[in-house]
Protein backbone atom coordinates (compact mmCIF):
# COMPACT_ATOMS: atom_id res chain seq x y z
CA UNK A 1 0.00 0.00 0.02
CA UNK A 2 2.79 2.41 0.96
CA UNK A 3 5.37 1.66 -1.75
CA UNK A 4 4.66 -0.65 -4.71
CA UNK A 5 8.38 -1.42 -5.05
CA UNK A 6 8.01 -3.79 -2.03
CA UNK A 7 6.54 -6.80 -3.72
CA UNK A 8 7.63 -9.39 -1.11
CA UNK A 9 9.55 -9.29 2.16
CA UNK A 10 11.34 -12.50 2.98
CA UNK A 11 10.86 -13.91 6.43
CA UNK A 12 13.96 -14.78 8.49
CA UNK A 13 13.22 -18.45 7.78
CA UNK A 14 13.14 -17.81 3.98
CA UNK A 15 16.42 -15.82 4.20
CA UNK A 16 18.06 -18.66 6.09
CA UNK A 17 16.89 -21.14 3.46
CA UNK A 18 18.22 -18.90 0.74
CA UNK A 19 21.66 -18.89 2.37
CA UNK A 20 21.73 -22.66 2.99
CA UNK A 21 20.36 -23.49 -0.48
CA UNK A 22 23.21 -21.47 -1.95
CA UNK A 23 25.85 -23.22 0.21
CA UNK A 24 26.42 -20.21 2.53
CA UNK A 25 27.18 -20.90 6.20
CA UNK A 26 25.27 -18.41 8.38
CA UNK A 27 27.74 -16.61 10.64
CA UNK A 28 25.47 -13.99 12.03
CA UNK A 29 21.68 -14.05 12.32
CA UNK A 30 20.30 -11.17 14.24
CA UNK A 31 17.61 -8.48 14.32
CA UNK A 32 18.07 -4.68 14.37
CA UNK A 33 15.20 -2.65 15.75
CA UNK A 34 14.83 0.90 14.48
CA UNK A 35 12.15 3.15 15.91
CA UNK A 36 10.35 5.00 13.00
CA UNK A 37 8.17 8.00 13.04
CA UNK A 38 5.18 7.11 10.87
CA UNK A 39 5.00 10.44 9.05
CA UNK A 40 8.67 10.39 8.15
CA UNK A 41 8.45 6.80 7.00
CA UNK A 42 5.51 7.59 4.80
CA UNK A 43 7.19 10.68 3.33
CA UNK A 44 10.36 8.68 2.51
CA UNK A 45 8.69 7.14 -0.58
CA UNK A 46 6.29 9.91 -1.26
CA UNK A 47 3.26 7.72 -0.29
CA UNK A 48 0.14 8.89 -2.18
CA UNK A 49 -2.11 10.95 0.07
CA UNK A 50 -5.03 8.49 -0.07
CA UNK A 51 -2.77 5.56 0.94
CA UNK A 52 -1.16 7.72 3.58
CA UNK A 53 -4.55 8.44 5.18
CA UNK A 54 -5.49 4.79 5.21
CA UNK A 55 -2.25 3.74 6.82
CA UNK A 56 -2.48 6.42 9.45
CA UNK A 57 -6.09 5.34 10.21
CA UNK A 58 -5.09 1.70 10.48
CA UNK A 59 -2.36 2.60 12.97
CA UNK A 60 -4.64 4.81 15.00
CA UNK A 61 -7.22 2.11 15.09
CA UNK A 62 -4.68 -0.42 16.42
CA UNK A 63 -3.43 2.03 19.07
CA UNK A 64 -7.04 2.42 20.22
CA UNK A 65 -7.49 -1.35 20.62
CA UNK A 66 -8.78 -2.11 17.01
CA UNK A 67 -7.59 -4.52 14.41
CA UNK A 68 -3.86 -5.45 14.52
CA UNK A 69 -1.65 -4.24 11.69
CA UNK A 70 1.51 -6.19 12.76
CA UNK A 71 3.32 -2.83 13.04
CA UNK A 72 2.58 -2.55 16.78
CA UNK A 73 2.31 1.24 16.59
CA UNK A 74 2.67 3.49 19.67
CA UNK A 75 2.49 7.22 20.57
CA UNK A 76 5.77 9.00 21.30
CA UNK A 77 6.27 12.81 21.43
CA UNK A 78 2.64 13.25 20.18
CA UNK A 79 3.29 11.29 17.01
CA UNK A 80 2.75 7.74 15.79
CA UNK A 81 5.83 5.50 15.86
CA UNK A 82 6.53 1.85 15.17
CA UNK A 83 9.62 -0.34 15.42
CA UNK A 84 11.02 -1.27 12.05
CA UNK A 85 12.74 -4.63 12.53
CA UNK A 86 15.45 -5.77 10.07
CA UNK A 87 16.85 -9.20 9.98
CA UNK A 88 20.63 -9.28 9.38
CA UNK A 89 22.27 -12.37 8.08
CA UNK A 90 25.97 -12.66 7.26
CA UNK A 91 27.39 -15.81 5.73
CA UNK A 92 30.42 -17.36 4.16
CA UNK A 93 30.68 -19.81 1.31
CA UNK A 94 30.94 -23.44 2.38
CA UNK A 95 31.64 -24.91 -1.12
CA UNK A 96 35.43 -24.83 -1.63
CA UNK A 97 35.05 -25.29 -5.40
CA UNK A 98 32.94 -22.12 -5.58
CA UNK A 99 35.40 -20.23 -3.45
CA UNK A 100 38.28 -21.30 -5.79
CA UNK A 101 36.23 -20.06 -8.83
CA UNK A 102 35.74 -16.75 -7.17
CA UNK A 103 39.49 -16.48 -6.43
CA UNK A 104 40.22 -17.26 -10.08
CA UNK A 105 37.70 -14.65 -11.25
CA UNK A 106 39.27 -12.03 -8.90
CA UNK A 107 42.68 -12.80 -10.39
CA UNK A 108 41.52 -11.83 -13.77
CA UNK A 109 40.16 -8.44 -12.67
């Protein structure tokens, strides 16, 4: 609704599977929580006004005990905030043949 460039967000489980399916050993798997002011977040992608109003109303409704949005919005400094949670995965190749191919490719650069 906010930004049509976001077609799908992978879950942490899907990201882990992507790593293991591509022979990457997961070295770090963590979350980063970033508090976001709703107005700033909506302005970041120039959210159309009609969508902006809907999103704000959904958040207000949840704050007042209504339907859950999964954003878990809250009021801070007289504004609507939510915690934007990012999954961070860092991995290394486990396939030595692939590592050697990368080393050879780098040698040609």
